[in-house]
């Protein structure tokens, strides 16, 4: 009975830690002022970068999903790092934070929470996608 209680506590604690690592989407994902700073105030360039990102990020997510499914920590680290840099151009702090967590976990080889983080990243990137389309 005590063994069952300990197992339940571990599952609850694990769920709590993952919840802490997967921030809810709050407000806009895109920080337009930061994004404009990254392109020197050139709105046309920002739209072009947004178009390229919208075109390319699904492939990065597919690669990240494959890395998570394969348990490939190195590939998770590298792919999350690349995504982190791409979303940073748009001042997408929430996406940067989740990608950074995945990158760090990949580096440490701690893959237990990455599936939940992948779902969180997917949600944040869908929100960013919607905002970038409206530029």
Protein backbone atom coordinates (compact mmCIF):
# COMPACT_ATOMS: atom_id res chain seq x y z
CA UNK A 1 0.00 0.00 0.00
CA UNK A 2 2.80 2.43 0.92
CA UNK A 3 4.59 1.45 -2.30
CA UNK A 4 1.50 2.39 -4.32
CA UNK A 5 1.30 5.74 -2.51
CA UNK A 6 4.98 6.46 -3.29
CA UNK A 7 4.41 5.66 -6.97
CA UNK A 8 1.41 7.97 -7.05
CA UNK A 9 3.41 10.79 -5.42
CA UNK A 10 6.18 10.37 -8.01
CA UNK A 11 3.64 10.61 -10.84
CA UNK A 12 2.05 13.70 -9.32
CA UNK A 13 5.45 15.33 -8.74
CA UNK A 14 6.51 14.51 -12.28
CA UNK A 15 3.27 16.03 -13.65
CA UNK A 16 3.79 19.16 -11.51
CA UNK A 17 7.35 19.59 -12.82
CA UNK A 18 6.22 19.20 -16.41
CA UNK A 19 3.40 21.68 -15.86
CA UNK A 20 5.94 24.18 -14.52
CA UNK A 21 8.03 23.63 -17.66
CA UNK A 22 5.13 24.13 -20.09
CA UNK A 23 3.98 27.73 -19.82
CA UNK A 24 0.47 28.61 -20.92
CA UNK A 25 0.20 30.92 -23.90
CA UNK A 26 -0.49 34.35 -22.49
CA UNK A 27 -1.16 37.31 -24.74
CA UNK A 28 0.44 37.71 -28.14
CA UNK A 29 3.40 35.47 -28.92
CA UNK A 30 4.92 37.91 -31.42
CA UNK A 31 6.68 40.96 -29.99
CA UNK A 32 6.39 43.21 -33.01
CA UNK A 33 8.67 45.91 -31.59
CA UNK A 34 11.46 43.40 -31.01
CA UNK A 35 10.90 41.84 -34.42
CA UNK A 36 11.06 45.27 -36.08
CA UNK A 37 14.28 46.03 -34.22
CA UNK A 38 15.78 42.80 -35.60
CA UNK A 39 15.09 43.97 -39.15
CA UNK A 40 16.07 47.61 -38.67
CA UNK A 41 12.47 48.81 -38.89
CA UNK A 42 11.95 47.31 -42.35
CA UNK A 43 8.36 46.00 -42.36
CA UNK A 44 8.77 44.37 -45.78
CA UNK A 45 11.83 42.46 -44.58
CA UNK A 46 9.92 41.34 -41.49
CA UNK A 47 7.10 40.03 -43.70
CA UNK A 48 9.65 38.20 -45.85
CA UNK A 49 11.30 36.61 -42.79
CA UNK A 50 7.87 35.67 -41.46
CA UNK A 51 7.03 33.98 -44.77
CA UNK A 52 10.27 32.02 -44.71
CA UNK A 53 9.69 30.96 -41.11
CA UNK A 54 6.10 29.88 -41.85
CA UNK A 55 7.41 27.83 -44.77
CA UNK A 56 10.33 26.22 -42.90
CA UNK A 57 9.27 25.68 -39.29
CA UNK A 58 6.98 22.70 -39.99
CA UNK A 59 10.02 20.75 -41.22
CA UNK A 60 11.92 21.66 -38.04
CA UNK A 61 8.97 20.49 -35.95
CA UNK A 62 8.84 17.23 -37.93
CA UNK A 63 12.53 16.71 -37.26
CA UNK A 64 12.07 17.52 -33.58
CA UNK A 65 9.13 15.09 -33.34
CA UNK A 66 11.24 12.36 -34.95
CA UNK A 67 14.11 13.08 -32.55
CA UNK A 68 11.76 12.87 -29.55
CA UNK A 69 10.23 9.63 -30.84
CA UNK A 70 13.71 8.15 -31.35
CA UNK A 71 14.99 9.41 -28.01
CA UNK A 72 17.85 11.15 -29.83
CA UNK A 73 19.06 13.69 -27.25
CA UNK A 74 21.68 15.23 -29.52
CA UNK A 75 19.23 15.83 -32.34
CA UNK A 76 16.69 17.26 -29.88
CA UNK A 77 19.35 19.65 -28.60
CA UNK A 78 20.44 20.78 -32.09
CA UNK A 79 16.94 21.13 -33.56
CA UNK A 80 15.55 22.94 -30.52
CA UNK A 81 18.56 25.29 -30.66
CA UNK A 82 17.81 26.10 -34.30
CA UNK A 83 14.14 26.73 -33.58
CA UNK A 84 15.05 28.88 -30.60
CA UNK A 85 17.15 31.14 -32.82
CA UNK A 86 14.45 31.37 -35.47
CA UNK A 87 11.67 32.36 -33.07
CA UNK A 88 13.95 34.81 -31.23
CA UNK A 89 13.92 36.92 -34.41
CA UNK A 90 10.24 37.56 -33.74
CA UNK A 91 10.64 38.31 -30.04
CA UNK A 92 8.55 35.19 -29.34
CA UNK A 93 9.70 34.84 -25.74
CA UNK A 94 7.35 31.97 -24.86
CA UNK A 95 8.55 29.90 -27.82
CA UNK A 96 12.18 30.74 -27.02
CA UNK A 97 11.70 29.59 -23.42
CA UNK A 98 10.17 26.24 -24.38
CA UNK A 99 12.78 25.60 -27.11
CA UNK A 100 15.54 26.49 -24.63
CA UNK A 101 14.15 24.00 -22.10
CA UNK A 102 14.11 21.30 -24.79
CA UNK A 103 17.64 22.20 -25.87
CA UNK A 104 18.93 22.00 -22.29
CA UNK A 105 17.16 18.70 -21.61
CA UNK A 106 18.60 17.26 -24.81
CA UNK A 107 22.06 18.38 -23.76
CA UNK A 108 21.62 16.71 -20.36
CA UNK A 109 20.07 13.60 -21.90
CA UNK A 110 16.98 14.06 -19.70
CA UNK A 111 14.24 13.19 -22.15
CA UNK A 112 11.36 12.40 -19.78
CA UNK A 113 9.60 15.80 -20.09
CA UNK A 114 10.41 16.53 -23.75
CA UNK A 115 7.19 15.07 -25.19
CA UNK A 116 5.12 17.47 -23.08
CA UNK A 117 7.39 20.34 -24.04
CA UNK A 118 7.07 19.39 -27.70
CA UNK A 119 3.28 19.72 -27.42
CA UNK A 120 3.69 23.08 -25.69
CA UNK A 121 6.10 24.26 -28.39
CA UNK A 122 3.69 23.17 -31.09
CA UNK A 123 0.88 25.21 -29.49
CA UNK A 124 3.06 28.31 -29.12
CA UNK A 125 4.29 28.01 -32.71
CA UNK A 126 0.73 27.66 -34.02
CA UNK A 127 -0.15 30.88 -32.19
CA UNK A 128 2.97 32.58 -33.60
CA UNK A 129 2.11 31.32 -37.09
CA UNK A 130 -1.31 32.94 -36.84
CA UNK A 131 0.21 36.25 -35.77
CA UNK A 132 2.90 36.18 -38.48
CA UNK A 133 0.31 35.55 -41.20
CA UNK A 134 -1.42 38.77 -40.18
CA UNK A 135 1.69 40.96 -40.58
